[in-house]
PDB file of all heavy atoms in Angstrom:
ATOM      1  N   VAL A   1      81.967  57.396 103.827  1.00  0.00           N
ATOM      2  CA  VAL A   1      82.041  58.321 102.723  1.00  0.00           C
ATOM      3  C   VAL A   1      83.106  59.396 103.023  1.00  0.00           C
ATOM      4  O   VAL A   1      83.540  59.645 104.137  1.00  0.00           O
ATOM      5  CB  VAL A   1      80.686  58.983 102.483  1.00  0.00           C
ATOM      6  CG1 VAL A   1      79.651  57.954 102.105  1.00  0.00           C
ATOM      7  CG2 VAL A   1      80.281  59.817 103.657  1.00  0.00           C
ATOM      8  N   GLU A   2      83.554  60.122 102.036  1.00  0.00           N
ATOM      9  CA  GLU A   2      84.409  61.247 102.120  1.00  0.00           C
ATOM     10  C   GLU A   2      83.685  62.382 102.885  1.00  0.00           C
ATOM     11  O   GLU A   2      82.499  62.624 102.684  1.00  0.00           O
ATOM     12  CB  GLU A   2      84.853  61.774 100.755  1.00  0.00           C
ATOM     13  CG  GLU A   2      85.583  60.732  99.902  1.00  0.00           C
ATOM     14  CD  GLU A   2      86.948  60.405 100.503  1.00  0.00           C
ATOM     15  OE1 GLU A   2      87.470  61.272 101.315  1.00  0.00           O
ATOM     16  OE2 GLU A   2      87.507  59.325 100.246  1.00  0.00           O
ATOM     17  N   ASP A   3      84.358  63.031 103.741  1.00  0.00           N
ATOM     18  CA  ASP A   3      83.794  64.172 104.588  1.00  0.00           C
ATOM     19  C   ASP A   3      83.987  65.495 103.752  1.00  0.00           C
ATOM     20  O   ASP A   3      84.852  66.289 104.027  1.00  0.00           O
ATOM     21  CB  ASP A   3      84.486  64.252 105.964  1.00  0.00           C
ATOM     22  CG  ASP A   3      83.790  65.277 106.792  1.00  0.00           C
ATOM     23  OD1 ASP A   3      82.659  65.612 106.531  1.00  0.00           O
ATOM     24  OD2 ASP A   3      84.471  65.786 107.738  1.00  0.00           O
ATOM     25  N   ARG A   4      83.128  65.637 102.727  1.00  0.00           N
ATOM     26  CA  ARG A   4      83.123  66.820 101.916  1.00  0.00           C
ATOM     27  C   ARG A   4      81.774  67.137 101.415  1.00  0.00           C
ATOM     28  O   ARG A   4      80.847  66.299 101.456  1.00  0.00           O
ATOM     29  CB  ARG A   4      84.160  66.702 100.811  1.00  0.00           C
ATOM     30  CG  ARG A   4      83.920  65.550  99.850  1.00  0.00           C
ATOM     31  CD  ARG A   4      84.987  65.435  98.812  1.00  0.00           C
ATOM     32  NE  ARG A   4      84.955  64.242  98.040  1.00  0.00           N
ATOM     33  CZ  ARG A   4      84.183  63.984  97.028  1.00  0.00           C
ATOM     34  NH1 ARG A   4      83.214  64.803  96.630  1.00  0.00           N
ATOM     35  NH2 ARG A   4      84.237  62.819  96.392  1.00  0.00           N
ATOM     36  N   SER A   5      81.598  68.393 100.904  1.00  0.00           N
ATOM     37  CA  SER A   5      80.323  68.842 100.430  1.00  0.00           C
ATOM     38  C   SER A   5      79.903  68.034  99.132  1.00  0.00           C
ATOM     39  O   SER A   5      80.815  67.605  98.392  1.00  0.00           O
ATOM     40  CB  SER A   5      80.311  70.331 100.169  1.00  0.00           C
ATOM     41  OG  SER A   5      81.226  70.549  99.141  1.00  0.00           O
ATOM     42  N   GLY A   6      78.631  67.918  99.007  1.00  0.00           N
ATOM     43  CA  GLY A   6      78.131  67.225  97.864  1.00  0.00           C
ATOM     44  C   GLY A   6      77.913  65.766  97.936  1.00  0.00           C
ATOM     45  O   GLY A   6      77.311  65.149  97.026  1.00  0.00           O
ATOM     46  N   VAL A   7      78.477  65.119  98.934  1.00  0.00           N
ATOM     47  CA  VAL A   7      78.389  63.677  99.075  1.00  0.00           C
ATOM     48  C   VAL A   7      76.987  63.245  99.344  1.00  0.00           C
ATOM     49  O   VAL A   7      76.502  62.304  98.700  1.00  0.00           O
ATOM     50  CB  VAL A   7      79.352  63.204 100.256  1.00  0.00           C
ATOM     51  CG1 VAL A   7      79.085  61.690 100.496  1.00  0.00           C
ATOM     52  CG2 VAL A   7      80.785  63.461  99.910  1.00  0.00           C
ATOM     53  N   LEU A   8      76.289  63.874 100.278  1.00  0.00           N
ATOM     54  CA  LEU A   8      74.945  63.504 100.595  1.00  0.00           C
ATOM     55  C   LEU A   8      74.039  63.648  99.366  1.00  0.00           C
ATOM     56  O   LEU A   8      73.182  62.830  99.168  1.00  0.00           O
ATOM     57  CB  LEU A   8      74.386  64.354 101.750  1.00  0.00           C
ATOM     58  CG  LEU A   8      73.004  64.027 102.233  1.00  0.00           C
ATOM     59  CD1 LEU A   8      72.898  62.579 102.665  1.00  0.00           C
ATOM     60  CD2 LEU A   8      72.577  64.882 103.408  1.00  0.00           C
ATOM     61  N   ALA A   9      74.263  64.729  98.628  1.00  0.00           N
ATOM     62  CA  ALA A   9      73.390  64.922  97.388  1.00  0.00           C
ATOM     63  C   ALA A   9      73.642  63.762  96.413  1.00  0.00           C
ATOM     64  O   ALA A   9      72.727  63.291  95.810  1.00  0.00           O
ATOM     65  CB  ALA A   9      73.736  66.261  96.789  1.00  0.00           C
ATOM     66  N   ALA A  10      74.913  63.377  96.181  1.00  0.00           N
ATOM     67  CA  ALA A  10      75.258  62.271  95.260  1.00  0.00           C
ATOM     68  C   ALA A  10      74.620  60.987  95.730  1.00  0.00           C
ATOM     69  O   ALA A  10      74.052  60.225  94.944  1.00  0.00           O
ATOM     70  CB  ALA A  10      76.726  62.147  95.181  1.00  0.00           C
ATOM     71  N   VAL A  11      74.618  60.754  97.003  1.00  0.00           N
ATOM     72  CA  VAL A  11      74.035  59.514  97.554  1.00  0.00           C
ATOM     73  C   VAL A  11      72.482  59.535  97.389  1.00  0.00           C
ATOM     74  O   VAL A  11      71.900  58.515  96.929  1.00  0.00           O
ATOM     75  CB  VAL A  11      74.387  59.372  99.104  1.00  0.00           C
ATOM     76  CG1 VAL A  11      73.532  58.295  99.731  1.00  0.00           C
ATOM     77  CG2 VAL A  11      75.873  59.040  99.218  1.00  0.00           C
ATOM     78  N   ALA A  12      71.890  60.658  97.746  1.00  0.00           N
ATOM     79  CA  ALA A  12      70.464  60.770  97.617  1.00  0.00           C
ATOM     80  C   ALA A  12      69.988  60.600  96.116  1.00  0.00           C
ATOM     81  O   ALA A  12      68.935  59.994  95.785  1.00  0.00           O
ATOM     82  CB  ALA A  12      69.929  62.166  98.084  1.00  0.00           C
ATOM     83  N   THR A  13      70.802  61.095  95.201  1.00  0.00           N
ATOM     84  CA  THR A  13      70.486  60.913  93.724  1.00  0.00           C
ATOM     85  C   THR A  13      70.530  59.516  93.315  1.00  0.00           C
ATOM     86  O   THR A  13      69.648  59.094  92.538  1.00  0.00           O
ATOM     87  CB  THR A  13      71.509  61.769  92.927  1.00  0.00           C
ATOM     88  OG1 THR A  13      71.426  63.164  93.269  1.00  0.00           O
ATOM     89  CG2 THR A  13      71.245  61.547  91.419  1.00  0.00           C
ATOM     90  N   LYS A  14      71.467  58.737  93.900  1.00  0.00           N
ATOM     91  CA  LYS A  14      71.493  57.286  93.591  1.00  0.00           C
ATOM     92  C   LYS A  14      70.206  56.582  94.042  1.00  0.00           C
ATOM     93  O   LYS A  14      69.751  55.686  93.367  1.00  0.00           O
ATOM     94  CB  LYS A  14      72.785  56.719  94.192  1.00  0.00           C
ATOM     95  CG  LYS A  14      73.038  55.282  93.676  1.00  0.00           C
ATOM     96  CD  LYS A  14      73.254  55.201  92.219  1.00  0.00           C
ATOM     97  CE  LYS A  14      74.431  55.997  91.685  1.00  0.00           C
ATOM     98  NZ  LYS A  14      74.626  55.825  90.240  1.00  0.00           N
ATOM     99  N   PHE A  15      69.733  56.930  95.221  1.00  0.00           N
ATOM    100  CA  PHE A  15      68.476  56.274  95.696  1.00  0.00           C
ATOM    101  C   PHE A  15      67.312  56.718  94.753  1.00  0.00           C
ATOM    102  O   PHE A  15      66.519  55.838  94.444  1.00  0.00           O
ATOM    103  CB  PHE A  15      68.226  56.837  97.165  1.00  0.00           C
ATOM    104  CG  PHE A  15      68.918  55.994  98.179  1.00  0.00           C
ATOM    105  CD1 PHE A  15      70.148  56.410  98.617  1.00  0.00           C
ATOM    106  CD2 PHE A  15      68.257  54.890  98.762  1.00  0.00           C
ATOM    107  CE1 PHE A  15      70.766  55.624  99.625  1.00  0.00           C
ATOM    108  CE2 PHE A  15      68.922  54.194  99.739  1.00  0.00           C
ATOM    109  CZ  PHE A  15      70.198  54.520 100.158  1.00  0.00           C
ATOM    110  N   ALA A  16      67.310  58.005  94.358  1.00  0.00           N
ATOM    111  CA  ALA A  16      66.205  58.483  93.487  1.00  0.00           C
ATOM    112  C   ALA A  16      66.239  57.747  92.174  1.00  0.00           C
ATOM    113  O   ALA A  16      65.206  57.496  91.545  1.00  0.00           O
ATOM    114  CB  ALA A  16      66.337  59.988  93.321  1.00  0.00           C
ATOM    115  N   GLU A  17      67.408  57.435  91.642  1.00  0.00           N
ATOM    116  CA  GLU A  17      67.518  56.784  90.336  1.00  0.00           C
ATOM    117  C   GLU A  17      66.839  55.450  90.284  1.00  0.00           C
ATOM    118  O   GLU A  17      66.358  55.012  89.252  1.00  0.00           O
ATOM    119  CB  GLU A  17      69.036  56.573  89.979  1.00  0.00           C
ATOM    120  CG  GLU A  17      69.752  57.862  89.545  1.00  0.00           C
ATOM    121  CD  GLU A  17      71.225  57.579  89.314  1.00  0.00           C
ATOM    122  OE1 GLU A  17      71.574  56.423  89.421  1.00  0.00           O
ATOM    123  OE2 GLU A  17      71.968  58.544  89.040  1.00  0.00           O
ATOM    124  N   HIS A  18      66.733  54.789  91.491  1.00  0.00           N
ATOM    125  CA  HIS A  18      66.070  53.488  91.571  1.00  0.00           C
ATOM    126  C   HIS A  18      64.726  53.651  92.183  1.00  0.00           C
ATOM    127  O   HIS A  18      64.157  52.553  92.599  1.00  0.00           O
ATOM    128  CB  HIS A  18      67.013  52.574  92.292  1.00  0.00           C
ATOM    129  CG  HIS A  18      68.318  52.262  91.603  1.00  0.00           C
ATOM    130  ND1 HIS A  18      68.378  51.409  90.514  1.00  0.00           N
ATOM    131  CD2 HIS A  18      69.569  52.818  91.755  1.00  0.00           C
ATOM    132  CE1 HIS A  18      69.670  51.405  90.119  1.00  0.00           C
ATOM    133  NE2 HIS A  18      70.368  52.245  90.823  1.00  0.00           N
ATOM    134  N   ASP A  19      64.240  54.860  92.384  1.00  0.00           N
ATOM    135  CA  ASP A  19      62.870  55.031  92.910  1.00  0.00           C
ATOM    136  C   ASP A  19      62.745  54.501  94.302  1.00  0.00           C
ATOM    137  O   ASP A  19      61.751  53.921  94.663  1.00  0.00           O
ATOM    138  CB  ASP A  19      61.804  54.438  92.013  1.00  0.00           C
ATOM    139  CG  ASP A  19      60.443  54.993  92.231  1.00  0.00           C
ATOM    140  OD1 ASP A  19      60.359  56.186  92.742  1.00  0.00           O
ATOM    141  OD2 ASP A  19      59.426  54.299  91.981  1.00  0.00           O
ATOM    142  N   VAL A  20      63.854  54.632  95.119  1.00  0.00           N
ATOM    143  CA  VAL A  20      63.801  54.267  96.503  1.00  0.00           C
ATOM    144  C   VAL A  20      63.816  55.437  97.380  1.00  0.00           C
ATOM    145  O   VAL A  20      64.606  56.365  97.277  1.00  0.00           O
ATOM    146  CB  VAL A  20      65.002  53.401  96.824  1.00  0.00           C
ATOM    147  CG1 VAL A  20      65.116  53.092  98.335  1.00  0.00           C
ATOM    148  CG2 VAL A  20      65.005  52.092  96.033  1.00  0.00           C
ATOM    149  N   SER A  21      62.806  55.554  98.267  1.00  0.00           N
ATOM    150  CA  SER A  21      62.620  56.774  99.077  1.00  0.00           C
ATOM    151  C   SER A  21      63.369  56.553 100.391  1.00  0.00           C
ATOM    152  O   SER A  21      63.317  55.424 101.015  1.00  0.00           O
ATOM    153  CB  SER A  21      61.173  56.915  99.442  1.00  0.00           C
ATOM    154  OG  SER A  21      60.981  58.010 100.286  1.00  0.00           O
ATOM    155  N   ILE A  22      64.061  57.593 100.872  1.00  0.00           N
ATOM    156  CA  ILE A  22      64.825  57.519 102.135  1.00  0.00           C
ATOM    157  C   ILE A  22      63.936  57.937 103.276  1.00  0.00           C
ATOM    158  O   ILE A  22      63.257  58.957 103.222  1.00  0.00           O
ATOM    159  CB  ILE A  22      66.033  58.469 102.080  1.00  0.00           C
ATOM    160  CG1 ILE A  22      67.074  57.974 101.026  1.00  0.00           C
ATOM    161  CG2 ILE A  22      66.731  58.578 103.414  1.00  0.00           C
ATOM    162  CD1 ILE A  22      68.193  58.954 100.808  1.00  0.00           C
ATOM    163  N   GLU A  23      63.869  57.135 104.285  1.00  0.00           N
ATOM    164  CA  GLU A  23      63.067  57.446 105.483  1.00  0.00           C
ATOM    165  C   GLU A  23      63.855  58.314 106.465  1.00  0.00           C
ATOM    166  O   GLU A  23      63.378  59.330 106.896  1.00  0.00           O
ATOM    167  CB  GLU A  23      62.629  56.148 106.204  1.00  0.00           C
ATOM    168  CG  GLU A  23      61.758  56.361 107.460  1.00  0.00           C
ATOM    169  CD  GLU A  23      61.337  55.069 108.104  1.00  0.00           C
ATOM    170  OE1 GLU A  23      60.736  54.228 107.409  1.00  0.00           O
ATOM    171  OE2 GLU A  23      61.632  54.891 109.306  1.00  0.00           O
ATOM    172  N   THR A  24      65.049  57.856 106.807  1.00  0.00           N
ATOM    173  CA  THR A  24      65.915  58.638 107.749  1.00  0.00           C
ATOM    174  C   THR A  24      67.338  58.611 107.273  1.00  0.00           C
ATOM    175  O   THR A  24      67.848  57.581 106.632  1.00  0.00           O
ATOM    176  CB  THR A  24      65.853  58.088 109.169  1.00  0.00           C
ATOM    177  OG1 THR A  24      66.355  56.775 109.202  1.00  0.00           O
ATOM    178  CG2 THR A  24      64.417  58.117 109.749  1.00  0.00           C
ATOM    179  N   VAL A  25      68.150  59.623 107.574  1.00  0.00           N
ATOM    180  CA  VAL A  25      69.545  59.603 107.289  1.00  0.00           C
ATOM    181  C   VAL A  25      70.279  60.268 108.466  1.00  0.00           C
ATOM    182  O   VAL A  25      69.765  61.319 109.011  1.00  0.00           O
ATOM    183  CB  VAL A  25      69.880  60.353 105.970  1.00  0.00           C
ATOM    184  CG1 VAL A  25      69.371  61.741 105.958  1.00  0.00           C
ATOM    185  CG2 VAL A  25      71.391  60.349 105.662  1.00  0.00           C
ATOM    186  N   ARG A  26      71.386  59.687 108.856  1.00  0.00           N
ATOM    187  CA  ARG A  26      72.159  60.205 110.039  1.00  0.00           C
ATOM    188  C   ARG A  26      73.579  60.194 109.621  1.00  0.00           C
ATOM    189  O   ARG A  26      74.099  59.258 108.996  1.00  0.00           O
ATOM    190  CB  ARG A  26      71.864  59.343 111.287  1.00  0.00           C
ATOM    191  CG  ARG A  26      72.611  59.766 112.480  1.00  0.00           C
ATOM    192  CD  ARG A  26      71.922  59.135 113.668  1.00  0.00           C
ATOM    193  NE  ARG A  26      71.746  57.635 113.537  1.00  0.00           N
ATOM    194  CZ  ARG A  26      72.672  56.765 113.968  1.00  0.00           C
ATOM    195  NH1 ARG A  26      73.744  57.152 114.565  1.00  0.00           N
ATOM    196  NH2 ARG A  26      72.452  55.451 113.840  1.00  0.00           N
ATOM    197  N   GLN A  27      74.324  61.226 110.045  1.00  0.00           N
ATOM    198  CA  GLN A  27      75.753  61.281 109.736  1.00  0.00           C
ATOM    199  C   GLN A  27      76.585  61.318 110.942  1.00  0.00           C
ATOM    200  O   GLN A  27      76.270  62.021 111.966  1.00  0.00           O
ATOM    201  CB  GLN A  27      76.061  62.587 108.856  1.00  0.00           C
ATOM    202  CG  GLN A  27      77.466  62.771 108.517  1.00  0.00           C
ATOM    203  CD  GLN A  27      77.745  63.906 107.567  1.00  0.00           C
ATOM    204  OE1 GLN A  27      76.954  64.124 106.679  1.00  0.00           O
ATOM    205  NE2 GLN A  27      78.927  64.505 107.684  1.00  0.00           N
ATOM    206  N   GLN A  28      77.699  60.584 110.954  1.00  0.00           N
ATOM    207  CA  GLN A  28      78.625  60.570 112.075  1.00  0.00           C
ATOM    208  C   GLN A  28      80.027  60.899 111.458  1.00  0.00           C
ATOM    209  O   GLN A  28      80.435  60.269 110.471  1.00  0.00           O
ATOM    210  CB  GLN A  28      78.663  59.215 112.778  1.00  0.00           C
ATOM    211  CG  GLN A  28      77.346  58.811 113.493  1.00  0.00           C
ATOM    212  CD  GLN A  28      77.418  57.448 114.080  1.00  0.00           C
ATOM    213  OE1 GLN A  28      78.220  56.628 113.574  1.00  0.00           O
ATOM    214  NE2 GLN A  28      76.626  57.182 115.056  1.00  0.00           N
ATOM    215  N   VAL A  29      80.731  61.828 112.118  1.00  0.00           N
ATOM    216  CA  VAL A  29      82.109  62.064 111.662  1.00  0.00           C
ATOM    217  C   VAL A  29      83.100  61.221 112.514  1.00  0.00           C
ATOM    218  O   VAL A  29      82.984  61.235 113.769  1.00  0.00           O
ATOM    219  CB  VAL A  29      82.455  63.564 111.823  1.00  0.00           C
ATOM    220  CG1 VAL A  29      83.878  63.853 111.411  1.00  0.00           C
ATOM    221  CG2 VAL A  29      81.481  64.389 110.950  1.00  0.00           C
ATOM    222  N   VAL A  30      83.960  60.510 111.847  1.00  0.00           N
ATOM    223  CA  VAL A  30      84.999  59.728 112.491  1.00  0.00           C
ATOM    224  C   VAL A  30      86.360  60.017 111.911  1.00  0.00           C
ATOM    225  O   VAL A  30      86.461  60.725 110.932  1.00  0.00           O
ATOM    226  CB  VAL A  30      84.651  58.212 112.386  1.00  0.00           C
ATOM    227  CG1 VAL A  30      83.371  57.861 113.019  1.00  0.00           C
ATOM    228  CG2 VAL A  30      84.629  57.774 110.909  1.00  0.00           C
ATOM    229  N   THR A  31      87.378  59.500 112.485  1.00  0.00           N
ATOM    230  CA  THR A  31      88.723  59.692 111.920  1.00  0.00           C
ATOM    231  C   THR A  31      89.310  58.350 111.602  1.00  0.00           C
ATOM    232  O   THR A  31      89.090  57.346 112.333  1.00  0.00           O
ATOM    233  CB  THR A  31      89.635  60.440 112.968  1.00  0.00           C
ATOM    234  OG1 THR A  31      89.657  59.678 114.197  1.00  0.00           O
ATOM    235  CG2 THR A  31      89.159  61.833 113.195  1.00  0.00           C
ATOM    236  N   ASP A  32      90.068  58.313 110.552  1.00  0.00           N
ATOM    237  CA  ASP A  32      90.701  56.979 110.172  1.00  0.00           C
ATOM    238  C   ASP A  32      91.960  56.802 111.039  1.00  0.00           C
ATOM    239  O   ASP A  32      92.352  57.629 111.863  1.00  0.00           O
ATOM    240  CB  ASP A  32      90.935  56.947 108.655  1.00  0.00           C
ATOM    241  CG  ASP A  32      91.869  58.032 108.181  1.00  0.00           C
ATOM    242  OD1 ASP A  32      92.641  58.587 109.003  1.00  0.00           O
ATOM    243  OD2 ASP A  32      91.917  58.332 106.972  1.00  0.00           O
ATOM    244  N   GLU A  33      92.821  55.802 110.686  1.00  0.00           N
ATOM    245  CA  GLU A  33      93.961  55.454 111.387  1.00  0.00           C
ATOM    246  C   GLU A  33      95.074  56.550 111.279  1.00  0.00           C
ATOM    247  O   GLU A  33      95.951  56.634 112.184  1.00  0.00           O
ATOM    248  CB  GLU A  33      94.579  54.120 110.892  1.00  0.00           C
ATOM    249  CG  GLU A  33      93.619  52.877 111.141  1.00  0.00           C
ATOM    250  CD  GLU A  33      94.233  51.644 110.604  1.00  0.00           C
ATOM    251  OE1 GLU A  33      95.224  51.715 109.925  1.00  0.00           O
ATOM    252  OE2 GLU A  33      93.611  50.547 110.833  1.00  0.00           O
ATOM    253  N   GLU A  34      94.925  57.313 110.236  1.00  0.00           N
ATOM    254  CA  GLU A  34      95.965  58.410 110.051  1.00  0.00           C
ATOM    255  C   GLU A  34      95.439  59.713 110.607  1.00  0.00           C
ATOM    256  O   GLU A  34      96.066  60.752 110.423  1.00  0.00           O
ATOM    257  CB  GLU A  34      96.310  58.520 108.529  1.00  0.00           C
ATOM    258  CG  GLU A  34      96.919  57.227 108.035  1.00  0.00           C
ATOM    259  CD  GLU A  34      97.228  57.371 106.543  1.00  0.00           C
ATOM    260  OE1 GLU A  34      96.824  58.366 105.925  1.00  0.00           O
ATOM    261  OE2 GLU A  34      97.843  56.397 106.020  1.00  0.00           O
ATOM    262  N   GLY A  35      94.196  59.741 111.206  1.00  0.00           N
ATOM    263  CA  GLY A  35      93.695  60.948 111.737  1.00  0.00           C
ATOM    264  C   GLY A  35      92.923  61.840 110.784  1.00  0.00           C
ATOM    265  O   GLY A  35      92.437  62.916 111.097  1.00  0.00           O
ATOM    266  N   ALA A  36      92.674  61.376 109.603  1.00  0.00           N
ATOM    267  CA  ALA A  36      91.965  62.152 108.537  1.00  0.00           C
ATOM    268  C   ALA A  36      90.477  61.987 108.828  1.00  0.00           C
ATOM    269  O   ALA A  36      89.969  60.890 109.228  1.00  0.00           O
ATOM    270  CB  ALA A  36      92.248  61.640 107.153  1.00  0.00           C
TER     271      ALA A  36
END
């Protein structure tokens, strides 16, 4: 995903839309080939 604010909320909303509960969530920051 994009490393910016609001992403986790958008993802969680998509789970909620389908009545799927999240047990755990973990985030890792990585860099792409261009260093972004």
